[in-house]
Amino acid sequence: MLGRIIKLVLLLVVVGFAGLTGYAYLADLSPAQSERSLPVTLNAE
């Protein structure tokens, strides 16, 4: 009985690792990019 539980836990770890790896490779985690222009005051006295 204990051997089955250990095999099940190991199977879940392997499947979870494979799922996490697939998500990291396939998911689009890059932030949205946009051009911004902000005025800057230099040497304001």
PDB file of N, CA and C in Angstrom:
ATOM      1  N   MET A   1       0.823  -1.202   0.000  1.00  0.00           N
ATOM      2  CA  MET A   1       0.000   0.000   0.000  1.00  0.00           C
ATOM      3  C   MET A   1       0.864   1.261   0.000  1.00  0.00           C
ATOM      4  N   LEU A   2       1.917   1.253   0.819  1.00  0.00           N
ATOM      5  CA  LEU A   2       2.795   2.418   0.896  1.00  0.00           C
ATOM      6  C   LEU A   2       3.552   2.624  -0.405  1.00  0.00           C
ATOM      7  N   GLY A   3       3.885   1.531  -1.092  1.00  0.00           N
ATOM      8  CA  GLY A   3       4.580   1.632  -2.377  1.00  0.00           C
ATOM      9  C   GLY A   3       3.722   2.308  -3.431  1.00  0.00           C
ATOM     10  N   ARG A   4       2.418   2.043  -3.413  1.00  0.00           N
ATOM     11  CA  ARG A   4       1.514   2.685  -4.370  1.00  0.00           C
ATOM     12  C   ARG A   4       1.423   4.183  -4.121  1.00  0.00           C
ATOM     13  N   ILE A   5       1.393   4.568  -2.867  1.00  0.00           N
ATOM     14  CA  ILE A   5       1.313   5.994  -2.523  1.00  0.00           C
ATOM     15  C   ILE A   5       2.578   6.716  -2.975  1.00  0.00           C
ATOM     16  N   ILE A   6       3.716   6.107  -2.766  1.00  0.00           N
ATOM     17  CA  ILE A   6       4.986   6.714  -3.182  1.00  0.00           C
ATOM     18  C   ILE A   6       5.036   6.837  -4.703  1.00  0.00           C
ATOM     19  N   LYS A   7       4.593   5.808  -5.418  1.00  0.00           N
ATOM     20  CA  LYS A   7       4.565   5.876  -6.879  1.00  0.00           C
ATOM     21  C   LYS A   7       3.610   6.969  -7.354  1.00  0.00           C
ATOM     22  N   LEU A   8       2.467   7.112  -6.698  1.00  0.00           N
ATOM     23  CA  LEU A   8       1.508   8.138  -7.067  1.00  0.00           C
ATOM     24  C   LEU A   8       2.087   9.531  -6.829  1.00  0.00           C
ATOM     25  N   VAL A   9       2.746   9.720  -5.718  1.00  0.00           N
ATOM     26  CA  VAL A   9       3.363  11.018  -5.418  1.00  0.00           C
ATOM     27  C   VAL A   9       4.451  11.332  -6.441  1.00  0.00           C
ATOM     28  N   LEU A  10       5.282  10.368  -6.769  1.00  0.00           N
ATOM     29  CA  LEU A  10       6.332  10.578  -7.771  1.00  0.00           C
ATOM     30  C   LEU A  10       5.728  10.884  -9.143  1.00  0.00           C
ATOM     31  N   LEU A  11       4.654  10.203  -9.491  1.00  0.00           N
ATOM     32  CA  LEU A  11       3.984  10.478 -10.760  1.00  0.00           C
ATOM     33  C   LEU A  11       3.431  11.901 -10.774  1.00  0.00           C
ATOM     34  N   LEU A  12       2.825  12.338  -9.684  1.00  0.00           N
ATOM     35  CA  LEU A  12       2.303  13.696  -9.602  1.00  0.00           C
ATOM     36  C   LEU A  12       3.418  14.737  -9.682  1.00  0.00           C
ATOM     37  N   VAL A  13       4.561  14.457  -9.089  1.00  0.00           N
ATOM     38  CA  VAL A  13       5.701  15.371  -9.156  1.00  0.00           C
ATOM     39  C   VAL A  13       6.203  15.482 -10.595  1.00  0.00           C
ATOM     40  N   VAL A  14       6.316  14.347 -11.282  1.00  0.00           N
ATOM     41  CA  VAL A  14       6.804  14.359 -12.664  1.00  0.00           C
ATOM     42  C   VAL A  14       5.815  15.091 -13.563  1.00  0.00           C
ATOM     43  N   VAL A  15       4.523  14.811 -13.423  1.00  0.00           N
ATOM     44  CA  VAL A  15       3.512  15.472 -14.247  1.00  0.00           C
ATOM     45  C   VAL A  15       3.472  16.965 -13.931  1.00  0.00           C
ATOM     46  N   GLY A  16       3.576  17.329 -12.677  1.00  0.00           N
ATOM     47  CA  GLY A  16       3.595  18.745 -12.301  1.00  0.00           C
ATOM     48  C   GLY A  16       4.805  19.463 -12.858  1.00  0.00           C
ATOM     49  N   PHE A  17       5.960  18.831 -12.804  1.00  0.00           N
ATOM     50  CA  PHE A  17       7.169  19.434 -13.349  1.00  0.00           C
ATOM     51  C   PHE A  17       7.056  19.602 -14.863  1.00  0.00           C
ATOM     52  N   ALA A  18       6.504  18.591 -15.538  1.00  0.00           N
ATOM     53  CA  ALA A  18       6.322  18.680 -16.987  1.00  0.00           C
ATOM     54  C   ALA A  18       5.327  19.787 -17.332  1.00  0.00           C
ATOM     55  N   GLY A  19       4.265  19.904 -16.570  1.00  0.00           N
ATOM     56  CA  GLY A  19       3.290  20.961 -16.807  1.00  0.00           C
ATOM     57  C   GLY A  19       3.871  22.335 -16.576  1.00  0.00           C
ATOM     58  N   LEU A  20       4.635  22.493 -15.528  1.00  0.00           N
ATOM     59  CA  LEU A  20       5.279  23.781 -15.238  1.00  0.00           C
ATOM     60  C   LEU A  20       6.287  24.146 -16.316  1.00  0.00           C
ATOM     61  N   THR A  21       7.042  23.175 -16.781  1.00  0.00           N
ATOM     62  CA  THR A  21       8.005  23.417 -17.846  1.00  0.00           C
ATOM     63  C   THR A  21       7.299  23.808 -19.142  1.00  0.00           C
ATOM     64  N   GLY A  22       6.235  23.110 -19.482  1.00  0.00           N
ATOM     65  CA  GLY A  22       5.465  23.450 -20.676  1.00  0.00           C
ATOM     66  C   GLY A  22       4.848  24.830 -20.581  1.00  0.00           C
ATOM     67  N   TYR A  23       4.340  25.181 -19.419  1.00  0.00           N
ATOM     68  CA  TYR A  23       3.755  26.507 -19.234  1.00  0.00           C
ATOM     69  C   TYR A  23       4.818  27.592 -19.388  1.00  0.00           C
ATOM     70  N   ALA A  24       6.003  27.352 -18.854  1.00  0.00           N
ATOM     71  CA  ALA A  24       7.076  28.344 -18.941  1.00  0.00           C
ATOM     72  C   ALA A  24       7.514  28.553 -20.390  1.00  0.00           C
ATOM     73  N   TYR A  25       7.519  27.497 -21.189  1.00  0.00           N
ATOM     74  CA  TYR A  25       7.937  27.627 -22.587  1.00  0.00           C
ATOM     75  C   TYR A  25       6.841  28.173 -23.490  1.00  0.00           C
ATOM     76  N   LEU A  26       5.598  27.827 -23.216  1.00  0.00           N
ATOM     77  CA  LEU A  26       4.519  28.155 -24.140  1.00  0.00           C
ATOM     78  C   LEU A  26       3.722  29.397 -23.755  1.00  0.00           C
ATOM     79  N   ALA A  27       3.732  29.779 -22.505  1.00  0.00           N
ATOM     80  CA  ALA A  27       2.928  30.918 -22.058  1.00  0.00           C
ATOM     81  C   ALA A  27       3.584  32.227 -22.479  1.00  0.00           C
ATOM     82  N   ASP A  28       2.774  33.198 -22.794  1.00  0.00           N
ATOM     83  CA  ASP A  28       3.289  34.515 -23.176  1.00  0.00           C
ATOM     84  C   ASP A  28       3.343  35.382 -21.922  1.00  0.00           C
ATOM     85  N   LEU A  29       4.495  35.447 -21.309  1.00  0.00           N
ATOM     86  CA  LEU A  29       4.646  36.180 -20.059  1.00  0.00           C
ATOM     87  C   LEU A  29       5.322  37.539 -20.258  1.00  0.00           C
ATOM     88  N   SER A  30       5.531  37.943 -21.508  1.00  0.00           N
ATOM     89  CA  SER A  30       6.204  39.215 -21.750  1.00  0.00           C
ATOM     90  C   SER A  30       5.240  40.371 -21.495  1.00  0.00           C
ATOM     91  N   PRO A  31       5.703  41.450 -20.897  1.00  0.00           N
ATOM     92  CA  PRO A  31       4.825  42.592 -20.638  1.00  0.00           C
ATOM     93  C   PRO A  31       4.474  43.328 -21.927  1.00  0.00           C
ATOM     94  N   ALA A  32       3.334  43.971 -21.927  1.00  0.00           N
ATOM     95  CA  ALA A  32       2.928  44.761 -23.086  1.00  0.00           C
ATOM     96  C   ALA A  32       3.835  45.984 -23.190  1.00  0.00           C
ATOM     97  N   GLN A  33       4.338  46.243 -24.386  1.00  0.00           N
ATOM     98  CA  GLN A  33       5.250  47.358 -24.584  1.00  0.00           C
ATOM     99  C   GLN A  33       4.538  48.478 -25.317  1.00  0.00           C
ATOM    100  N   SER A  34       4.824  49.700 -24.891  1.00  0.00           N
ATOM    101  CA  SER A  34       4.275  50.866 -25.575  1.00  0.00           C
ATOM    102  C   SER A  34       5.283  52.003 -25.470  1.00  0.00           C
ATOM    103  N   GLU A  35       5.248  52.887 -26.442  1.00  0.00           N
ATOM    104  CA  GLU A  35       6.181  54.004 -26.468  1.00  0.00           C
ATOM    105  C   GLU A  35       5.597  55.141 -25.635  1.00  0.00           C
ATOM    106  N   ARG A  36       6.434  55.721 -24.774  1.00  0.00           N
ATOM    107  CA  ARG A  36       5.992  56.825 -23.927  1.00  0.00           C
ATOM    108  C   ARG A  36       6.954  57.977 -24.067  1.00  0.00           C
ATOM    109  N   SER A  37       6.421  59.170 -24.066  1.00  0.00           N
ATOM    110  CA  SER A  37       7.241  60.376 -24.169  1.00  0.00           C
ATOM    111  C   SER A  37       6.869  61.287 -23.004  1.00  0.00           C
ATOM    112  N   LEU A  38       7.866  61.560 -22.159  1.00  0.00           N
ATOM    113  CA  LEU A  38       7.645  62.407 -20.993  1.00  0.00           C
ATOM    114  C   LEU A  38       8.585  63.603 -21.051  1.00  0.00           C
ATOM    115  N   PRO A  39       8.070  64.810 -20.804  1.00  0.00           N
ATOM    116  CA  PRO A  39       8.955  65.975 -20.794  1.00  0.00           C
ATOM    117  C   PRO A  39       9.848  65.964 -19.539  1.00  0.00           C
ATOM    118  N   VAL A  40      11.092  66.397 -19.739  1.00  0.00           N
ATOM    119  CA  VAL A  40      12.062  66.421 -18.642  1.00  0.00           C
ATOM    120  C   VAL A  40      12.669  67.829 -18.580  1.00  0.00           C
ATOM    121  N   THR A  41      12.694  68.389 -17.388  1.00  0.00           N
ATOM    122  CA  THR A  41      13.312  69.714 -17.214  1.00  0.00           C
ATOM    123  C   THR A  41      14.715  69.516 -16.654  1.00  0.00           C
ATOM    124  N   LEU A  42      15.733  70.023 -17.376  1.00  0.00           N
ATOM    125  CA  LEU A  42      17.121  69.893 -16.951  1.00  0.00           C
ATOM    126  C   LEU A  42      17.631  71.246 -16.473  1.00  0.00           C
ATOM    127  N   ASN A  43      18.444  71.226 -15.442  1.00  0.00           N
ATOM    128  CA  ASN A  43      19.074  72.424 -14.890  1.00  0.00           C
ATOM    129  C   ASN A  43      18.040  73.508 -14.571  1.00  0.00           C
ATOM    130  N   ALA A  44      16.970  73.143 -13.928  1.00  0.00           N
ATOM    131  CA  ALA A  44      15.947  74.138 -13.558  1.00  0.00           C
ATOM    132  C   ALA A  44      16.405  74.865 -12.303  1.00  0.00           C
ATOM    133  N   GLU A  45      16.569  76.201 -12.410  1.00  0.00           N
ATOM    134  CA  GLU A  45      17.027  76.993 -11.267  1.00  0.00           C
ATOM    135  C   GLU A  45      16.091  78.128 -11.003  1.00  0.00           C
TER     136      GLU A  45
END
